Amino acid sequence: AEALAQALRAAERHGALLGLQVQVARAALDCGQPARAAEAALALLALLDDGYAPESLHRAEAWWVAHRALAAAGQAQAAERALRQGEQWLRQVALPQVPPSFIDSFLHANAVNRALLAAAGAR
C-alpha cells in the first residue's frame, strides 16, 4: 500500500490516494491494528480537508471508516470530528441533491449512510 501511495502522490492522483487510505484503514481495523487504521484515517481526513474526493467510493464511506478507525485507536475527539463532518456532508450537501423518490433509500437502504447517521444520532 505504501508503494502505491507514493506512486499516486507522484502522479497527483489524490482521489485515488484517498480511496486507498480508506481501504488501508478498513483492512487495518479488520486485522486488529487500530494504530495503523488511525494513521490511514488521519491521512484520508487530511485529503478530504484539502478538498479532494475519493474516486472509487461514496464520500461518506471515507468519513465513516475514519470515524471507526479513530474510535478504535482511542482518538475520541478526532473520531467525533470525522463523524460530524460525514453527517454534515450527508445532510447538507448530498441529501439536497437526491431526488425525492430516492431519499428513503439514500437514508435507510445505503448501509454506510444508515450507520453514519445512526452513530451521529446516538451521540
PDB file of N, CA and C in Angstrom:
ATOM      1  N   ALA A   1       0.822  -1.192   0.000  1.00  0.00           N
ATOM      2  CA  ALA A   1       0.000   0.000   0.000  1.00  0.00           C
ATOM      3  C   ALA A   1       0.870   1.262   0.000  1.00  0.00           C
ATOM      4  N   GLU A   2       1.993   1.214   0.708  1.00  0.00           N
ATOM      5  CA  GLU A   2       2.848   2.403   0.766  1.00  0.00           C
ATOM      6  C   GLU A   2       3.464   2.708  -0.596  1.00  0.00           C
ATOM      7  N   ALA A   3       3.877   1.695  -1.315  1.00  0.00           N
ATOM      8  CA  ALA A   3       4.438   1.921  -2.649  1.00  0.00           C
ATOM      9  C   ALA A   3       3.382   2.508  -3.582  1.00  0.00           C
ATOM     10  N   LEU A   4       2.177   1.986  -3.508  1.00  0.00           N
ATOM     11  CA  LEU A   4       1.088   2.525  -4.326  1.00  0.00           C
ATOM     12  C   LEU A   4       0.775   3.963  -3.921  1.00  0.00           C
ATOM     13  N   ALA A   5       0.768   4.246  -2.616  1.00  0.00           N
ATOM     14  CA  ALA A   5       0.514   5.609  -2.146  1.00  0.00           C
ATOM     15  C   ALA A   5       1.557   6.574  -2.691  1.00  0.00           C
ATOM     16  N   GLN A   6       2.808   6.160  -2.691  1.00  0.00           N
ATOM     17  CA  GLN A   6       3.866   7.024  -3.224  1.00  0.00           C
ATOM     18  C   GLN A   6       3.663   7.287  -4.709  1.00  0.00           C
ATOM     19  N   ALA A   7       3.285   6.243  -5.437  1.00  0.00           N
ATOM     20  CA  ALA A   7       3.048   6.413  -6.873  1.00  0.00           C
ATOM     21  C   ALA A   7       1.858   7.337  -7.128  1.00  0.00           C
ATOM     22  N   LEU A   8       0.822   7.204  -6.343  1.00  0.00           N
ATOM     23  CA  LEU A   8      -0.358   8.059  -6.506  1.00  0.00           C
ATOM     24  C   LEU A   8      -0.033   9.511  -6.167  1.00  0.00           C
ATOM     25  N   ARG A   9       0.759   9.724  -5.121  1.00  0.00           N
ATOM     26  CA  ARG A   9       1.183  11.091  -4.786  1.00  0.00           C
ATOM     27  C   ARG A   9       1.989  11.690  -5.928  1.00  0.00           C
ATOM     28  N   ALA A  10       2.918  10.911  -6.460  1.00  0.00           N
ATOM     29  CA  ALA A  10       3.780  11.398  -7.546  1.00  0.00           C
ATOM     30  C   ALA A  10       2.963  11.752  -8.787  1.00  0.00           C
ATOM     31  N   ALA A  11       1.898  10.992  -9.024  1.00  0.00           N
ATOM     32  CA  ALA A  11       1.043  11.241 -10.192  1.00  0.00           C
ATOM     33  C   ALA A  11      -0.068  12.236  -9.890  1.00  0.00           C
ATOM     34  N   GLU A  12      -0.066  12.773  -8.676  1.00  0.00           N
ATOM     35  CA  GLU A  12      -1.100  13.718  -8.218  1.00  0.00           C
ATOM     36  C   GLU A  12      -2.500  13.146  -8.376  1.00  0.00           C
ATOM     37  N   ARG A  13      -2.656  11.885  -8.059  1.00  0.00           N
ATOM     38  CA  ARG A  13      -3.946  11.186  -8.098  1.00  0.00           C
ATOM     39  C   ARG A  13      -4.522  11.168  -6.687  1.00  0.00           C
ATOM     40  N   HIS A  14      -4.879  12.328  -6.184  1.00  0.00           N
ATOM     41  CA  HIS A  14      -5.293  12.483  -4.795  1.00  0.00           C
ATOM     42  C   HIS A  14      -6.598  11.758  -4.476  1.00  0.00           C
ATOM     43  N   GLY A  15      -7.517  11.715  -5.415  1.00  0.00           N
ATOM     44  CA  GLY A  15      -8.764  10.989  -5.191  1.00  0.00           C
ATOM     45  C   GLY A  15      -8.534   9.496  -5.053  1.00  0.00           C
ATOM     46  N   ALA A  16      -7.647   8.961  -5.871  1.00  0.00           N
ATOM     47  CA  ALA A  16      -7.298   7.541  -5.771  1.00  0.00           C
ATOM     48  C   ALA A  16      -6.532   7.277  -4.473  1.00  0.00           C
ATOM     49  N   LEU A  17      -5.661   8.197  -4.096  1.00  0.00           N
ATOM     50  CA  LEU A  17      -4.924   8.072  -2.832  1.00  0.00           C
ATOM     51  C   LEU A  17      -5.886   8.070  -1.650  1.00  0.00           C
ATOM     52  N   LEU A  18      -6.881   8.929  -1.700  1.00  0.00           N
ATOM     53  CA  LEU A  18      -7.882   8.975  -0.634  1.00  0.00           C
ATOM     54  C   LEU A  18      -8.597   7.621  -0.524  1.00  0.00           C
ATOM     55  N   GLY A  19      -9.006   7.075  -1.656  1.00  0.00           N
ATOM     56  CA  GLY A  19      -9.651   5.768  -1.650  1.00  0.00           C
ATOM     57  C   GLY A  19      -8.741   4.678  -1.110  1.00  0.00           C
ATOM     58  N   LEU A  20      -7.470   4.747  -1.458  1.00  0.00           N
ATOM     59  CA  LEU A  20      -6.502   3.777  -0.937  1.00  0.00           C
ATOM     60  C   LEU A  20      -6.414   3.876   0.581  1.00  0.00           C
ATOM     61  N   GLN A  21      -6.369   5.096   1.099  1.00  0.00           N
ATOM     62  CA  GLN A  21      -6.273   5.266   2.550  1.00  0.00           C
ATOM     63  C   GLN A  21      -7.516   4.711   3.260  1.00  0.00           C
ATOM     64  N   VAL A  22      -8.676   4.847   2.642  1.00  0.00           N
ATOM     65  CA  VAL A  22      -9.892   4.255   3.209  1.00  0.00           C
ATOM     66  C   VAL A  22      -9.724   2.740   3.290  1.00  0.00           C
ATOM     67  N   GLN A  23      -9.232   2.134   2.217  1.00  0.00           N
ATOM     68  CA  GLN A  23      -9.062   0.677   2.199  1.00  0.00           C
ATOM     69  C   GLN A  23      -7.995   0.223   3.194  1.00  0.00           C
ATOM     70  N   VAL A  24      -6.939   0.976   3.339  1.00  0.00           N
ATOM     71  CA  VAL A  24      -5.889   0.646   4.309  1.00  0.00           C
ATOM     72  C   VAL A  24      -6.458   0.725   5.723  1.00  0.00           C
ATOM     73  N   ALA A  25      -7.213   1.774   6.005  1.00  0.00           N
ATOM     74  CA  ALA A  25      -7.811   1.910   7.336  1.00  0.00           C
ATOM     75  C   ALA A  25      -8.762   0.750   7.624  1.00  0.00           C
ATOM     76  N   ARG A  26      -9.585   0.409   6.657  1.00  0.00           N
ATOM     77  CA  ARG A  26     -10.531  -0.700   6.837  1.00  0.00           C
ATOM     78  C   ARG A  26      -9.785  -2.018   7.061  1.00  0.00           C
ATOM     79  N   ALA A  27      -8.772  -2.272   6.253  1.00  0.00           N
ATOM     80  CA  ALA A  27      -8.005  -3.515   6.391  1.00  0.00           C
ATOM     81  C   ALA A  27      -7.302  -3.575   7.747  1.00  0.00           C
ATOM     82  N   ALA A  28      -6.740  -2.464   8.176  1.00  0.00           N
ATOM     83  CA  ALA A  28      -6.064  -2.437   9.476  1.00  0.00           C
ATOM     84  C   ALA A  28      -7.061  -2.692  10.607  1.00  0.00           C
ATOM     85  N   LEU A  29      -8.245  -2.132  10.508  1.00  0.00           N
ATOM     86  CA  LEU A  29      -9.288  -2.427  11.503  1.00  0.00           C
ATOM     87  C   LEU A  29      -9.606  -3.912  11.519  1.00  0.00           C
ATOM     88  N   ASP A  30      -9.793  -4.479  10.332  1.00  0.00           N
ATOM     89  CA  ASP A  30     -10.123  -5.900  10.218  1.00  0.00           C
ATOM     90  C   ASP A  30      -9.020  -6.795  10.770  1.00  0.00           C
ATOM     91  N   CYS A  31      -7.776  -6.326  10.709  1.00  0.00           N
ATOM     92  CA  CYS A  31      -6.632  -7.108  11.188  1.00  0.00           C
ATOM     93  C   CYS A  31      -6.273  -6.790  12.639  1.00  0.00           C
ATOM     94  N   GLY A  32      -7.080  -5.961  13.292  1.00  0.00           N
ATOM     95  CA  GLY A  32      -6.814  -5.624  14.692  1.00  0.00           C
ATOM     96  C   GLY A  32      -5.613  -4.726  14.888  1.00  0.00           C
ATOM     97  N   GLN A  33      -5.389  -3.809  13.951  1.00  0.00           N
ATOM     98  CA  GLN A  33      -4.277  -2.867  14.032  1.00  0.00           C
ATOM     99  C   GLN A  33      -4.814  -1.439  14.114  1.00  0.00           C
ATOM    100  N   PRO A  34      -5.366  -1.050  15.263  1.00  0.00           N
ATOM    101  CA  PRO A  34      -6.004   0.269  15.351  1.00  0.00           C
ATOM    102  C   PRO A  34      -5.052   1.443  15.139  1.00  0.00           C
ATOM    103  N   ALA A  35      -3.790   1.319  15.528  1.00  0.00           N
ATOM    104  CA  ALA A  35      -2.850   2.433  15.311  1.00  0.00           C
ATOM    105  C   ALA A  35      -2.629   2.660  13.822  1.00  0.00           C
ATOM    106  N   ARG A  36      -2.474   1.583  13.067  1.00  0.00           N
ATOM    107  CA  ARG A  36      -2.299   1.706  11.607  1.00  0.00           C
ATOM    108  C   ARG A  36      -3.570   2.229  10.962  1.00  0.00           C
ATOM    109  N   ALA A  37      -4.715   1.780  11.449  1.00  0.00           N
ATOM    110  CA  ALA A  37      -6.001   2.266  10.932  1.00  0.00           C
ATOM    111  C   ALA A  37      -6.134   3.763  11.167  1.00  0.00           C
ATOM    112  N   ALA A  38      -5.748   4.215  12.358  1.00  0.00           N
ATOM    113  CA  ALA A  38      -5.843   5.638  12.678  1.00  0.00           C
ATOM    114  C   ALA A  38      -4.896   6.460  11.818  1.00  0.00           C
ATOM    115  N   GLU A  39      -3.730   5.937  11.552  1.00  0.00           N
ATOM    116  CA  GLU A  39      -2.767   6.646  10.690  1.00  0.00           C
ATOM    117  C   GLU A  39      -3.369   6.865   9.294  1.00  0.00           C
ATOM    118  N   ALA A  40      -3.955   5.825   8.749  1.00  0.00           N
ATOM    119  CA  ALA A  40      -4.590   5.942   7.427  1.00  0.00           C
ATOM    120  C   ALA A  40      -5.794   6.874   7.497  1.00  0.00           C
ATOM    121  N   ALA A  41      -6.542   6.813   8.593  1.00  0.00           N
ATOM    122  CA  ALA A  41      -7.714   7.677   8.760  1.00  0.00           C
ATOM    123  C   ALA A  41      -7.309   9.145   8.783  1.00  0.00           C
ATOM    124  N   LEU A  42      -6.255   9.458   9.500  1.00  0.00           N
ATOM    125  CA  LEU A  42      -5.795  10.854   9.546  1.00  0.00           C
ATOM    126  C   LEU A  42      -5.322  11.313   8.167  1.00  0.00           C
ATOM    127  N   ALA A  43      -4.691  10.418   7.411  1.00  0.00           N
ATOM    128  CA  ALA A  43      -4.251  10.768   6.056  1.00  0.00           C
ATOM    129  C   ALA A  43      -5.440  11.026   5.147  1.00  0.00           C
ATOM    130  N   LEU A  44      -6.468  10.199   5.252  1.00  0.00           N
ATOM    131  CA  LEU A  44      -7.632  10.409   4.378  1.00  0.00           C
ATOM    132  C   LEU A  44      -8.406  11.653   4.786  1.00  0.00           C
ATOM    133  N   LEU A  45      -8.471  11.930   6.078  1.00  0.00           N
ATOM    134  CA  LEU A  45      -9.149  13.157   6.520  1.00  0.00           C
ATOM    135  C   LEU A  45      -8.409  14.398   6.034  1.00  0.00           C
ATOM    136  N   ALA A  46      -7.089  14.346   6.017  1.00  0.00           N
ATOM    137  CA  ALA A  46      -6.312  15.487   5.516  1.00  0.00           C
ATOM    138  C   ALA A  46      -6.619  15.727   4.034  1.00  0.00           C
ATOM    139  N   LEU A  47      -6.766  14.651   3.268  1.00  0.00           N
ATOM    140  CA  LEU A  47      -7.117  14.801   1.857  1.00  0.00           C
ATOM    141  C   LEU A  47      -8.520  15.381   1.695  1.00  0.00           C
ATOM    142  N   LEU A  48      -9.456  14.913   2.509  1.00  0.00           N
ATOM    143  CA  LEU A  48     -10.812  15.486   2.464  1.00  0.00           C
ATOM    144  C   LEU A  48     -10.781  16.968   2.831  1.00  0.00           C
ATOM    145  N   ASP A  49      -9.999  17.303   3.867  1.00  0.00           N
ATOM    146  CA  ASP A  49      -9.880  18.706   4.288  1.00  0.00           C
ATOM    147  C   ASP A  49      -9.293  19.577   3.181  1.00  0.00           C
ATOM    148  N   ASP A  50      -8.445  18.984   2.344  1.00  0.00           N
ATOM    149  CA  ASP A  50      -7.847  19.722   1.231  1.00  0.00           C
ATOM    150  C   ASP A  50      -8.787  19.822   0.026  1.00  0.00           C
ATOM    151  N   GLY A  51      -9.974  19.241   0.154  1.00  0.00           N
ATOM    152  CA  GLY A  51     -10.972  19.369  -0.899  1.00  0.00           C
ATOM    153  C   GLY A  51     -11.022  18.229  -1.895  1.00  0.00           C
ATOM    154  N   TYR A  52     -10.281  17.163  -1.652  1.00  0.00           N
ATOM    155  CA  TYR A  52     -10.300  16.026  -2.575  1.00  0.00           C
ATOM    156  C   TYR A  52     -11.469  15.102  -2.255  1.00  0.00           C
ATOM    157  N   ALA A  53     -11.916  14.385  -3.272  1.00  0.00           N
ATOM    158  CA  ALA A  53     -12.989  13.402  -3.127  1.00  0.00           C
ATOM    159  C   ALA A  53     -12.460  12.053  -3.588  1.00  0.00           C
ATOM    160  N   PRO A  54     -12.900  10.987  -2.937  1.00  0.00           N
ATOM    161  CA  PRO A  54     -12.440   9.664  -3.377  1.00  0.00           C
ATOM    162  C   PRO A  54     -12.978   9.342  -4.766  1.00  0.00           C
ATOM    163  N   GLU A  55     -12.152   8.713  -5.574  1.00  0.00           N
ATOM    164  CA  GLU A  55     -12.545   8.388  -6.941  1.00  0.00           C
ATOM    165  C   GLU A  55     -13.441   7.161  -7.022  1.00  0.00           C
ATOM    166  N   SER A  56     -13.297   6.243  -6.107  1.00  0.00           N
ATOM    167  CA  SER A  56     -13.909   4.933  -6.310  1.00  0.00           C
ATOM    168  C   SER A  56     -14.875   4.505  -5.210  1.00  0.00           C
ATOM    169  N   LEU A  57     -15.312   5.418  -4.387  1.00  0.00           N
ATOM    170  CA  LEU A  57     -16.258   5.059  -3.345  1.00  0.00           C
ATOM    171  C   LEU A  57     -17.069   6.274  -2.909  1.00  0.00           C
ATOM    172  N   HIS A  58     -18.140   5.996  -2.239  1.00  0.00           N
ATOM    173  CA  HIS A  58     -19.043   7.017  -1.712  1.00  0.00           C
ATOM    174  C   HIS A  58     -18.296   7.860  -0.675  1.00  0.00           C
ATOM    175  N   ARG A  59     -18.340   9.157  -0.823  1.00  0.00           N
ATOM    176  CA  ARG A  59     -17.568  10.050   0.051  1.00  0.00           C
ATOM    177  C   ARG A  59     -17.883   9.823   1.534  1.00  0.00           C
ATOM    178  N   ALA A  60     -19.133   9.552   1.865  1.00  0.00           N
ATOM    179  CA  ALA A  60     -19.496   9.325   3.268  1.00  0.00           C
ATOM    180  C   ALA A  60     -18.768   8.122   3.852  1.00  0.00           C
ATOM    181  N   GLU A  61     -18.438   7.165   3.005  1.00  0.00           N
ATOM    182  CA  GLU A  61     -17.719   5.983   3.478  1.00  0.00           C
ATOM    183  C   GLU A  61     -16.349   6.363   4.034  1.00  0.00           C
ATOM    184  N   ALA A  62     -15.718   7.354   3.462  1.00  0.00           N
ATOM    185  CA  ALA A  62     -14.413   7.794   3.952  1.00  0.00           C
ATOM    186  C   ALA A  62     -14.539   8.312   5.387  1.00  0.00           C
ATOM    187  N   TRP A  63     -15.530   9.155   5.631  1.00  0.00           N
ATOM    188  CA  TRP A  63     -15.715   9.672   6.992  1.00  0.00           C
ATOM    189  C   TRP A  63     -16.124   8.562   7.955  1.00  0.00           C
ATOM    190  N   TRP A  64     -16.954   7.617   7.503  1.00  0.00           N
ATOM    191  CA  TRP A  64     -17.410   6.539   8.372  1.00  0.00           C
ATOM    192  C   TRP A  64     -16.238   5.640   8.776  1.00  0.00           C
ATOM    193  N   VAL A  65     -15.410   5.264   7.818  1.00  0.00           N
ATOM    194  CA  VAL A  65     -14.249   4.425   8.130  1.00  0.00           C
ATOM    195  C   VAL A  65     -13.276   5.192   9.022  1.00  0.00           C
ATOM    196  N   ALA A  66     -13.061   6.463   8.737  1.00  0.00           N
ATOM    197  CA  ALA A  66     -12.171   7.270   9.579  1.00  0.00           C
ATOM    198  C   ALA A  66     -12.698   7.336  11.007  1.00  0.00           C
ATOM    199  N   HIS A  67     -13.980   7.544  11.160  1.00  0.00           N
ATOM    200  CA  HIS A  67     -14.590   7.578  12.498  1.00  0.00           C
ATOM    201  C   HIS A  67     -14.314   6.277  13.237  1.00  0.00           C
ATOM    202  N   ARG A  68     -14.590   5.160  12.593  1.00  0.00           N
ATOM    203  CA  ARG A  68     -14.403   3.855  13.230  1.00  0.00           C
ATOM    204  C   ARG A  68     -12.932   3.605  13.580  1.00  0.00           C
ATOM    205  N   ALA A  69     -12.030   3.963  12.666  1.00  0.00           N
ATOM    206  CA  ALA A  69     -10.600   3.739  12.896  1.00  0.00           C
ATOM    207  C   ALA A  69     -10.094   4.579  14.064  1.00  0.00           C
ATOM    208  N   LEU A  70     -10.478   5.829  14.076  1.00  0.00           N
ATOM    209  CA  LEU A  70     -10.009   6.713  15.147  1.00  0.00           C
ATOM    210  C   LEU A  70     -10.621   6.339  16.491  1.00  0.00           C
ATOM    211  N   ALA A  71     -11.873   5.938  16.500  1.00  0.00           N
ATOM    212  CA  ALA A  71     -12.503   5.475  17.742  1.00  0.00           C
ATOM    213  C   ALA A  71     -11.801   4.227  18.266  1.00  0.00           C
ATOM    214  N   ALA A  72     -11.460   3.302  17.375  1.00  0.00           N
ATOM    215  CA  ALA A  72     -10.782   2.068  17.776  1.00  0.00           C
ATOM    216  C   ALA A  72      -9.397   2.354  18.357  1.00  0.00           C
ATOM    217  N   ALA A  73      -8.775   3.433  17.892  1.00  0.00           N
ATOM    218  CA  ALA A  73      -7.441   3.807  18.364  1.00  0.00           C
ATOM    219  C   ALA A  73      -7.500   4.700  19.606  1.00  0.00           C
ATOM    220  N   GLY A  74      -8.709   4.949  20.103  1.00  0.00           N
ATOM    221  CA  GLY A  74      -8.851   5.767  21.298  1.00  0.00           C
ATOM    222  C   GLY A  74      -8.732   7.260  21.064  1.00  0.00           C
ATOM    223  N   GLN A  75      -8.868   7.685  19.818  1.00  0.00           N
ATOM    224  CA  GLN A  75      -8.783   9.114  19.489  1.00  0.00           C
ATOM    225  C   GLN A  75     -10.206   9.663  19.366  1.00  0.00           C
ATOM    226  N   ALA A  76     -10.868   9.778  20.504  1.00  0.00           N
ATOM    227  CA  ALA A  76     -12.293  10.116  20.533  1.00  0.00           C
ATOM    228  C   ALA A  76     -12.595  11.460  19.882  1.00  0.00           C
ATOM    229  N   GLN A  77     -11.789  12.454  20.126  1.00  0.00           N
ATOM    230  CA  GLN A  77     -12.055  13.786  19.569  1.00  0.00           C
ATOM    231  C   GLN A  77     -11.958  13.773  18.046  1.00  0.00           C
ATOM    232  N   ALA A  78     -10.942  13.143  17.513  1.00  0.00           N
ATOM    233  CA  ALA A  78     -10.790  13.054  16.061  1.00  0.00           C
ATOM    234  C   ALA A  78     -11.891  12.189  15.456  1.00  0.00           C
ATOM    235  N   ALA A  79     -12.281  11.126  16.156  1.00  0.00           N
ATOM    236  CA  ALA A  79     -13.366  10.263  15.678  1.00  0.00           C
ATOM    237  C   ALA A  79     -14.673  11.042  15.618  1.00  0.00           C
ATOM    238  N   GLU A  80     -14.930  11.848  16.621  1.00  0.00           N
ATOM    239  CA  GLU A  80     -16.142  12.671  16.649  1.00  0.00           C
ATOM    240  C   GLU A  80     -16.131  13.682  15.510  1.00  0.00           C
ATOM    241  N   ARG A  81     -14.987  14.269  15.244  1.00  0.00           N
ATOM    242  CA  ARG A  81     -14.863  15.237  14.141  1.00  0.00           C
ATOM    243  C   ARG A  81     -15.195  14.574  12.809  1.00  0.00           C
ATOM    244  N   ALA A  82     -14.653  13.374  12.578  1.00  0.00           N
ATOM    245  CA  ALA A  82     -14.929  12.659  11.328  1.00  0.00           C
ATOM    246  C   ALA A  82     -16.420  12.344  11.206  1.00  0.00           C
ATOM    247  N   LEU A  83     -17.020  11.910  12.303  1.00  0.00           N
ATOM    248  CA  LEU A  83     -18.450  11.597  12.294  1.00  0.00           C
ATOM    249  C   LEU A  83     -19.280  12.846  12.002  1.00  0.00           C
ATOM    250  N   ARG A  84     -18.933  13.939  12.650  1.00  0.00           N
ATOM    251  CA  ARG A  84     -19.646  15.209  12.460  1.00  0.00           C
ATOM    252  C   ARG A  84     -19.514  15.706  11.012  1.00  0.00           C
ATOM    253  N   GLN A  85     -18.316  15.596  10.447  1.00  0.00           N
ATOM    254  CA  GLN A  85     -18.111  16.033   9.058  1.00  0.00           C
ATOM    255  C   GLN A  85     -18.896  15.152   8.090  1.00  0.00           C
ATOM    256  N   GLY A  86     -18.900  13.852   8.325  1.00  0.00           N
ATOM    257  CA  GLY A  86     -19.652  12.953   7.461  1.00  0.00           C
ATOM    258  C   GLY A  86     -21.138  13.215   7.524  1.00  0.00           C
ATOM    259  N   GLU A  87     -21.645  13.419   8.728  1.00  0.00           N
ATOM    260  CA  GLU A  87     -23.073  13.727   8.894  1.00  0.00           C
ATOM    261  C   GLU A  87     -23.420  15.044   8.201  1.00  0.00           C
ATOM    262  N   GLN A  88     -22.580  16.045   8.392  1.00  0.00           N
ATOM    263  CA  GLN A  88     -22.831  17.350   7.777  1.00  0.00           C
ATOM    264  C   GLN A  88     -22.846  17.232   6.258  1.00  0.00           C
ATOM    265  N   TRP A  89     -21.894  16.509   5.680  1.00  0.00           N
ATOM    266  CA  TRP A  89     -21.862  16.350   4.230  1.00  0.00           C
ATOM    267  C   TRP A  89     -23.113  15.618   3.734  1.00  0.00           C
ATOM    268  N   LEU A  90     -23.489  14.551   4.432  1.00  0.00           N
ATOM    269  CA  LEU A  90     -24.682  13.808   4.013  1.00  0.00           C
ATOM    270  C   LEU A  90     -25.928  14.684   4.032  1.00  0.00           C
ATOM    271  N   ARG A  91     -26.120  15.402   5.122  1.00  0.00           N
ATOM    272  CA  ARG A  91     -27.358  16.176   5.295  1.00  0.00           C
ATOM    273  C   ARG A  91     -27.381  17.468   4.481  1.00  0.00           C
ATOM    274  N   GLN A  92     -26.243  18.152   4.382  1.00  0.00           N
ATOM    275  CA  GLN A  92     -26.246  19.480   3.781  1.00  0.00           C
ATOM    276  C   GLN A  92     -25.790  19.515   2.323  1.00  0.00           C
ATOM    277  N   VAL A  93     -25.015  18.528   1.897  1.00  0.00           N
ATOM    278  CA  VAL A  93     -24.507  18.530   0.530  1.00  0.00           C
ATOM    279  C   VAL A  93     -25.183  17.443  -0.308  1.00  0.00           C
ATOM    280  N   ALA A  94     -25.114  16.215   0.162  1.00  0.00           N
ATOM    281  CA  ALA A  94     -25.621  15.094  -0.646  1.00  0.00           C
ATOM    282  C   ALA A  94     -27.147  15.016  -0.660  1.00  0.00           C
ATOM    283  N   LEU A  95     -27.767  15.045   0.506  1.00  0.00           N
ATOM    284  CA  LEU A  95     -29.213  14.846   0.591  1.00  0.00           C
ATOM    285  C   LEU A  95     -30.017  15.841  -0.245  1.00  0.00           C
ATOM    286  N   PRO A  96     -29.682  17.126  -0.268  1.00  0.00           N
ATOM    287  CA  PRO A  96     -30.452  18.057  -1.097  1.00  0.00           C
ATOM    288  C   PRO A  96     -30.400  17.739  -2.599  1.00  0.00           C
ATOM    289  N   GLN A  97     -29.446  16.931  -3.024  1.00  0.00           N
ATOM    290  CA  GLN A  97     -29.323  16.586  -4.433  1.00  0.00           C
ATOM    291  C   GLN A  97     -30.029  15.273  -4.790  1.00  0.00           C
ATOM    292  N   VAL A  98     -30.551  14.591  -3.776  1.00  0.00           N
ATOM    293  CA  VAL A  98     -31.209  13.305  -4.004  1.00  0.00           C
ATOM    294  C   VAL A  98     -32.655  13.557  -4.433  1.00  0.00           C
ATOM    295  N   PRO A  99     -33.075  12.951  -5.532  1.00  0.00           N
ATOM    296  CA  PRO A  99     -34.481  13.108  -5.944  1.00  0.00           C
ATOM    297  C   PRO A  99     -35.418  12.582  -4.854  1.00  0.00           C
ATOM    298  N   PRO A 100     -36.561  13.225  -4.655  1.00  0.00           N
ATOM    299  CA  PRO A 100     -37.468  12.839  -3.576  1.00  0.00           C
ATOM    300  C   PRO A 100     -37.801  11.346  -3.521  1.00  0.00           C
ATOM    301  N   SER A 101     -37.960  10.714  -4.662  1.00  0.00           N
ATOM    302  CA  SER A 101     -38.323   9.296  -4.660  1.00  0.00           C
ATOM    303  C   SER A 101     -37.190   8.381  -4.178  1.00  0.00           C
ATOM    304  N   PHE A 102     -35.974   8.909  -4.060  1.00  0.00           N
ATOM    305  CA  PHE A 102     -34.837   8.097  -3.621  1.00  0.00           C
ATOM    306  C   PHE A 102     -34.350   8.451  -2.216  1.00  0.00           C
ATOM    307  N   ILE A 103     -34.963   9.420  -1.564  1.00  0.00           N
ATOM    308  CA  ILE A 103     -34.495   9.865  -0.247  1.00  0.00           C
ATOM    309  C   ILE A 103     -34.530   8.741   0.779  1.00  0.00           C
ATOM    310  N   ASP A 104     -35.631   7.992   0.839  1.00  0.00           N
ATOM    311  CA  ASP A 104     -35.720   6.911   1.817  1.00  0.00           C
ATOM    312  C   ASP A 104     -34.604   5.891   1.601  1.00  0.00           C
ATOM    313  N   SER A 105     -34.360   5.530   0.360  1.00  0.00           N
ATOM    314  CA  SER A 105     -33.289   4.582   0.043  1.00  0.00           C
ATOM    315  C   SER A 105     -31.929   5.159   0.419  1.00  0.00           C
ATOM    316  N   PHE A 106     -31.703   6.418   0.108  1.00  0.00           N
ATOM    317  CA  PHE A 106     -30.431   7.081   0.408  1.00  0.00           C
ATOM    318  C   PHE A 106     -30.152   7.065   1.911  1.00  0.00           C
ATOM    319  N   LEU A 107     -31.182   7.325   2.692  1.00  0.00           N
ATOM    320  CA  LEU A 107     -31.008   7.406   4.140  1.00  0.00           C
ATOM    321  C   LEU A 107     -31.022   6.050   4.834  1.00  0.00           C
ATOM    322  N   HIS A 108     -31.795   5.096   4.316  1.00  0.00           N
ATOM    323  CA  HIS A 108     -32.018   3.853   5.059  1.00  0.00           C
ATOM    324  C   HIS A 108     -31.472   2.601   4.388  1.00  0.00           C
ATOM    325  N   ALA A 109     -31.486   2.532   3.076  1.00  0.00           N
ATOM    326  CA  ALA A 109     -31.012   1.324   2.395  1.00  0.00           C
ATOM    327  C   ALA A 109     -29.493   1.342   2.199  1.00  0.00           C
ATOM    328  N   ASN A 110     -28.908   2.509   2.076  1.00  0.00           N
ATOM    329  CA  ASN A 110     -27.460   2.615   1.944  1.00  0.00           C
ATOM    330  C   ASN A 110     -26.843   2.345   3.319  1.00  0.00           C
ATOM    331  N   ALA A 111     -26.097   1.243   3.437  1.00  0.00           N
ATOM    332  CA  ALA A 111     -25.570   0.817   4.736  1.00  0.00           C
ATOM    333  C   ALA A 111     -24.632   1.841   5.369  1.00  0.00           C
ATOM    334  N   VAL A 112     -23.806   2.482   4.574  1.00  0.00           N
ATOM    335  CA  VAL A 112     -22.875   3.478   5.114  1.00  0.00           C
ATOM    336  C   VAL A 112     -23.636   4.686   5.643  1.00  0.00           C
ATOM    337  N   ASN A 113     -24.545   5.212   4.838  1.00  0.00           N
ATOM    338  CA  ASN A 113     -25.325   6.375   5.274  1.00  0.00           C
ATOM    339  C   ASN A 113     -26.108   6.051   6.536  1.00  0.00           C
ATOM    340  N   ARG A 114     -26.751   4.884   6.547  1.00  0.00           N
ATOM    341  CA  ARG A 114     -27.552   4.471   7.697  1.00  0.00           C
ATOM    342  C   ARG A 114     -26.696   4.380   8.965  1.00  0.00           C
ATOM    343  N   ALA A 115     -25.538   3.724   8.863  1.00  0.00           N
ATOM    344  CA  ALA A 115     -24.666   3.556  10.026  1.00  0.00           C
ATOM    345  C   ALA A 115     -24.103   4.892  10.503  1.00  0.00           C
ATOM    346  N   LEU A 116     -23.663   5.724   9.571  1.00  0.00           N
ATOM    347  CA  LEU A 116     -23.096   7.016   9.939  1.00  0.00           C
ATOM    348  C   LEU A 116     -24.141   7.888  10.632  1.00  0.00           C
ATOM    349  N   LEU A 117     -25.323   7.953  10.062  1.00  0.00           N
ATOM    350  CA  LEU A 117     -26.378   8.787  10.653  1.00  0.00           C
ATOM    351  C   LEU A 117     -26.854   8.219  11.991  1.00  0.00           C
ATOM    352  N   ALA A 118     -26.902   6.895  12.121  1.00  0.00           N
ATOM    353  CA  ALA A 118     -27.290   6.288  13.404  1.00  0.00           C
ATOM    354  C   ALA A 118     -26.258   6.614  14.485  1.00  0.00           C
ATOM    355  N   ALA A 119     -25.001   6.501  14.133  1.00  0.00           N
ATOM    356  CA  ALA A 119     -23.943   6.823  15.101  1.00  0.00           C
ATOM    357  C   ALA A 119     -23.980   8.301  15.473  1.00  0.00           C
ATOM    358  N   ALA A 120     -24.223   9.157  14.500  1.00  0.00           N
ATOM    359  CA  ALA A 120     -24.302  10.589  14.767  1.00  0.00           C
ATOM    360  C   ALA A 120     -25.494  10.908  15.651  1.00  0.00           C
ATOM    361  N   GLY A 121     -26.597  10.213  15.438  1.00  0.00           N
ATOM    362  CA  GLY A 121     -27.785  10.440  16.245  1.00  0.00           C
ATOM    363  C   GLY A 121     -27.657   9.907  17.657  1.00  0.00           C
ATOM    364  N   ALA A 122     -26.776   8.924  17.856  1.00  0.00           N
ATOM    365  CA  ALA A 122     -26.603   8.306  19.173  1.00  0.00           C
ATOM    366  C   ALA A 122     -25.689   9.107  20.081  1.00  0.00           C
ATOM    367  N   ARG A 123     -24.980  10.062  19.515  1.00  0.00           N
ATOM    368  CA  ARG A 123     -24.015  10.799  20.372  1.00  0.00           C
ATOM    369  C   ARG A 123     -24.670  11.884  21.177  1.00  0.00           C
TER     370      ARG A 123
END
